[in-house]
Amino acid sequence: MGSVHGFPVVDPADAAVGARLKHWREQRGLSLEDLARLMDMTPEEQRRIEAGRAHLNSLRIGTAISALRLPLWALTSDTRAY
């Protein structure tokens, strides 16, 4: 990933997924540390994902929706799929 003036480039899609993940984590009453543990990652990795500075691969998305008991659309869209 490149940078401009020392700031990491944030992919808009990663930022959107990260914001949705944070929203649902907070809605479910989980701390960042709790969700990081459930997803088998460090709290720092979780912070980077929620800030849009890291990419969630399909395996991690599956783990997140399972941990938060969400349908897939909840992390990939702001509109219900049904």
N, C-alpha and C. Protein backbone atom coordinates (compact mmCIF):
# COMPACT_ATOMS: atom_id res chain seq x y z
N MET A 1 0.85 -1.17 0.00
CA MET A 1 0.00 0.00 0.00
C MET A 1 0.89 1.23 0.00
N GLY A 2 0.61 2.20 -0.83
CA GLY A 2 1.39 3.41 -0.91
C GLY A 2 0.97 4.43 0.13
N SER A 3 1.62 5.56 0.13
CA SER A 3 1.25 6.60 1.06
C SER A 3 1.52 7.96 0.44
N VAL A 4 0.87 8.95 0.99
CA VAL A 4 1.07 10.33 0.57
C VAL A 4 1.50 11.09 1.81
N HIS A 5 2.66 11.69 1.77
CA HIS A 5 3.18 12.45 2.90
C HIS A 5 3.19 11.64 4.19
N GLY A 6 3.47 10.35 4.08
CA GLY A 6 3.58 9.52 5.28
C GLY A 6 2.28 8.95 5.80
N PHE A 7 1.16 9.29 5.18
CA PHE A 7 -0.12 8.77 5.61
C PHE A 7 -0.48 7.55 4.75
N PRO A 8 -0.90 6.45 5.38
CA PRO A 8 -1.27 5.27 4.58
C PRO A 8 -2.52 5.54 3.75
N VAL A 9 -2.55 4.94 2.57
CA VAL A 9 -3.71 5.06 1.70
C VAL A 9 -4.82 4.18 2.27
N VAL A 10 -6.03 4.71 2.34
CA VAL A 10 -7.18 3.95 2.84
C VAL A 10 -8.09 3.64 1.67
N ASP A 11 -8.33 2.36 1.44
CA ASP A 11 -9.24 1.92 0.39
C ASP A 11 -10.67 2.23 0.86
N PRO A 12 -11.47 2.94 0.07
CA PRO A 12 -12.84 3.27 0.49
C PRO A 12 -13.68 2.04 0.83
N ALA A 13 -13.48 0.94 0.12
CA ALA A 13 -14.25 -0.27 0.42
C ALA A 13 -13.86 -0.84 1.77
N ASP A 14 -12.56 -0.85 2.08
CA ASP A 14 -12.11 -1.33 3.39
C ASP A 14 -12.61 -0.42 4.50
N ALA A 15 -12.63 0.89 4.24
CA ALA A 15 -13.12 1.84 5.24
C ALA A 15 -14.60 1.61 5.52
N ALA A 16 -15.37 1.33 4.48
CA ALA A 16 -16.81 1.09 4.65
C ALA A 16 -17.06 -0.19 5.44
N VAL A 17 -16.34 -1.26 5.12
CA VAL A 17 -16.51 -2.53 5.85
C VAL A 17 -16.07 -2.34 7.29
N GLY A 18 -14.96 -1.64 7.51
CA GLY A 18 -14.48 -1.39 8.87
C GLY A 18 -15.48 -0.60 9.70
N ALA A 19 -16.08 0.42 9.09
CA ALA A 19 -17.09 1.23 9.80
C ALA A 19 -18.32 0.39 10.14
N ARG A 20 -18.73 -0.46 9.21
CA ARG A 20 -19.89 -1.33 9.49
C ARG A 20 -19.55 -2.33 10.59
N LEU A 21 -18.34 -2.88 10.57
CA LEU A 21 -17.93 -3.82 11.60
C LEU A 21 -17.95 -3.15 12.97
N LYS A 22 -17.43 -1.95 13.05
CA LYS A 22 -17.43 -1.21 14.32
C LYS A 22 -18.86 -0.93 14.77
N HIS A 23 -19.70 -0.50 13.85
CA HIS A 23 -21.10 -0.23 14.17
C HIS A 23 -21.77 -1.46 14.78
N TRP A 24 -21.64 -2.61 14.12
CA TRP A 24 -22.30 -3.82 14.59
C TRP A 24 -21.66 -4.34 15.89
N ARG A 25 -20.35 -4.18 16.04
CA ARG A 25 -19.69 -4.59 17.28
C ARG A 25 -20.26 -3.80 18.45
N GLU A 26 -20.38 -2.49 18.25
CA GLU A 26 -20.94 -1.64 19.30
C GLU A 26 -22.41 -1.96 19.55
N GLN A 27 -23.18 -2.20 18.49
CA GLN A 27 -24.59 -2.57 18.64
C GLN A 27 -24.76 -3.85 19.45
N ARG A 28 -23.82 -4.77 19.30
CA ARG A 28 -23.87 -6.06 20.01
C ARG A 28 -23.26 -5.97 21.41
N GLY A 29 -22.71 -4.81 21.75
CA GLY A 29 -22.16 -4.61 23.08
C GLY A 29 -20.83 -5.30 23.33
N LEU A 30 -20.08 -5.56 22.26
CA LEU A 30 -18.77 -6.20 22.41
C LEU A 30 -17.67 -5.15 22.41
N SER A 31 -16.68 -5.36 23.24
CA SER A 31 -15.51 -4.48 23.20
C SER A 31 -14.66 -4.86 21.99
N LEU A 32 -13.79 -3.96 21.61
CA LEU A 32 -12.89 -4.23 20.51
C LEU A 32 -12.02 -5.44 20.84
N GLU A 33 -11.58 -5.53 22.08
CA GLU A 33 -10.74 -6.65 22.50
C GLU A 33 -11.50 -7.98 22.44
N ASP A 34 -12.77 -7.97 22.84
CA ASP A 34 -13.57 -9.20 22.79
C ASP A 34 -13.74 -9.70 21.36
N LEU A 35 -14.06 -8.78 20.45
CA LEU A 35 -14.24 -9.21 19.06
C LEU A 35 -12.91 -9.66 18.46
N ALA A 36 -11.83 -8.98 18.80
CA ALA A 36 -10.51 -9.39 18.31
C ALA A 36 -10.21 -10.82 18.76
N ARG A 37 -10.52 -11.13 20.00
CA ARG A 37 -10.28 -12.48 20.51
C ARG A 37 -11.13 -13.49 19.77
N LEU A 38 -12.42 -13.17 19.55
CA LEU A 38 -13.31 -14.07 18.82
C LEU A 38 -12.86 -14.28 17.38
N MET A 39 -12.22 -13.28 16.81
CA MET A 39 -11.75 -13.36 15.43
C MET A 39 -10.31 -13.86 15.35
N ASP A 40 -9.72 -14.19 16.50
CA ASP A 40 -8.35 -14.71 16.56
C ASP A 40 -7.35 -13.73 15.95
N MET A 41 -7.44 -12.48 16.42
CA MET A 41 -6.50 -11.45 15.98
C MET A 41 -6.18 -10.55 17.17
N THR A 42 -5.21 -9.70 17.00
CA THR A 42 -4.84 -8.79 18.08
C THR A 42 -5.78 -7.58 18.08
N PRO A 43 -5.90 -6.91 19.22
CA PRO A 43 -6.69 -5.68 19.24
C PRO A 43 -6.18 -4.63 18.25
N GLU A 44 -4.86 -4.57 18.05
CA GLU A 44 -4.31 -3.62 17.08
C GLU A 44 -4.77 -3.94 15.67
N GLU A 45 -4.79 -5.22 15.31
CA GLU A 45 -5.30 -5.62 13.99
C GLU A 45 -6.76 -5.21 13.85
N GLN A 46 -7.53 -5.41 14.92
CA GLN A 46 -8.95 -5.05 14.92
C GLN A 46 -9.12 -3.54 14.74
N ARG A 47 -8.31 -2.76 15.43
CA ARG A 47 -8.37 -1.29 15.29
C ARG A 47 -8.08 -0.87 13.85
N ARG A 48 -7.07 -1.49 13.25
CA ARG A 48 -6.71 -1.16 11.86
C ARG A 48 -7.85 -1.49 10.91
N ILE A 49 -8.51 -2.62 11.13
CA ILE A 49 -9.63 -3.01 10.28
C ILE A 49 -10.78 -2.01 10.43
N GLU A 50 -11.13 -1.69 11.66
CA GLU A 50 -12.24 -0.76 11.89
C GLU A 50 -11.93 0.63 11.36
N ALA A 51 -10.66 1.00 11.30
CA ALA A 51 -10.26 2.30 10.76
C ALA A 51 -10.13 2.28 9.24
N GLY A 52 -10.28 1.10 8.62
CA GLY A 52 -10.17 0.99 7.18
C GLY A 52 -8.74 0.91 6.69
N ARG A 53 -7.79 0.69 7.60
CA ARG A 53 -6.39 0.63 7.22
C ARG A 53 -5.90 -0.80 6.99
N ALA A 54 -6.81 -1.76 7.07
CA ALA A 54 -6.47 -3.16 6.81
C ALA A 54 -7.65 -3.80 6.09
N HIS A 55 -7.35 -4.82 5.31
CA HIS A 55 -8.36 -5.51 4.50
C HIS A 55 -8.84 -6.77 5.22
N LEU A 56 -10.14 -6.97 5.24
CA LEU A 56 -10.71 -8.22 5.77
C LEU A 56 -10.87 -9.19 4.61
N ASN A 57 -10.19 -10.32 4.67
CA ASN A 57 -10.38 -11.33 3.63
C ASN A 57 -11.68 -12.09 3.89
N SER A 58 -12.06 -12.95 2.98
CA SER A 58 -13.35 -13.63 3.08
C SER A 58 -13.43 -14.51 4.33
N LEU A 59 -12.32 -15.13 4.73
CA LEU A 59 -12.31 -15.95 5.94
C LEU A 59 -12.59 -15.10 7.17
N ARG A 60 -11.95 -13.95 7.25
CA ARG A 60 -12.16 -13.07 8.41
C ARG A 60 -13.57 -12.46 8.39
N ILE A 61 -14.10 -12.17 7.21
CA ILE A 61 -15.48 -11.67 7.14
C ILE A 61 -16.42 -12.75 7.67
N GLY A 62 -16.21 -14.00 7.27
CA GLY A 62 -17.02 -15.10 7.77
C GLY A 62 -16.93 -15.24 9.28
N THR A 63 -15.74 -15.09 9.82
CA THR A 63 -15.55 -15.16 11.27
C THR A 63 -16.28 -14.01 11.96
N ALA A 64 -16.19 -12.82 11.39
CA ALA A 64 -16.84 -11.65 11.98
C ALA A 64 -18.36 -11.79 11.99
N ILE A 65 -18.94 -12.20 10.87
CA ILE A 65 -20.40 -12.31 10.84
C ILE A 65 -20.88 -13.44 11.75
N SER A 66 -20.08 -14.47 11.89
CA SER A 66 -20.43 -15.55 12.81
C SER A 66 -20.35 -15.07 14.26
N ALA A 67 -19.28 -14.37 14.61
CA ALA A 67 -19.09 -13.88 15.98
C ALA A 67 -20.17 -12.87 16.37
N LEU A 68 -20.58 -12.05 15.41
CA LEU A 68 -21.59 -11.02 15.68
C LEU A 68 -23.01 -11.47 15.36
N ARG A 69 -23.13 -12.69 14.85
CA ARG A 69 -24.43 -13.25 14.46
C ARG A 69 -25.17 -12.33 13.49
N LEU A 70 -24.50 -12.10 12.37
CA LEU A 70 -25.01 -11.19 11.34
C LEU A 70 -25.13 -11.92 10.01
N PRO A 71 -26.04 -11.44 9.15
CA PRO A 71 -26.04 -11.92 7.76
C PRO A 71 -24.89 -11.23 7.02
N LEU A 72 -24.45 -11.81 5.94
CA LEU A 72 -23.33 -11.27 5.17
C LEU A 72 -23.56 -9.83 4.74
N TRP A 73 -24.77 -9.49 4.33
CA TRP A 73 -25.02 -8.15 3.82
C TRP A 73 -24.69 -7.06 4.85
N ALA A 74 -24.73 -7.40 6.13
CA ALA A 74 -24.53 -6.40 7.17
C ALA A 74 -23.13 -5.77 7.13
N LEU A 75 -22.13 -6.50 6.63
CA LEU A 75 -20.79 -5.93 6.50
C LEU A 75 -20.47 -5.46 5.10
N THR A 76 -21.26 -5.84 4.14
CA THR A 76 -20.94 -5.50 2.75
C THR A 76 -21.86 -4.44 2.15
N SER A 77 -22.94 -4.09 2.85
CA SER A 77 -23.90 -3.13 2.30
C SER A 77 -24.64 -2.44 3.42
N ASP A 78 -25.10 -1.24 3.14
CA ASP A 78 -25.94 -0.53 4.12
C ASP A 78 -27.40 -0.82 3.89
N THR A 79 -27.72 -1.63 2.90
CA THR A 79 -29.09 -1.97 2.55
C THR A 79 -29.32 -3.46 2.77
N ARG A 80 -30.42 -3.79 3.42
CA ARG A 80 -30.75 -5.19 3.62
C ARG A 80 -30.88 -5.92 2.30
N ALA A 81 -30.45 -7.17 2.31
CA ALA A 81 -30.50 -7.96 1.07
C ALA A 81 -31.80 -8.72 0.97
N TYR A 82 -32.67 -8.59 1.94
CA TYR A 82 -33.97 -9.29 1.90
C TYR A 82 -35.06 -8.42 2.43
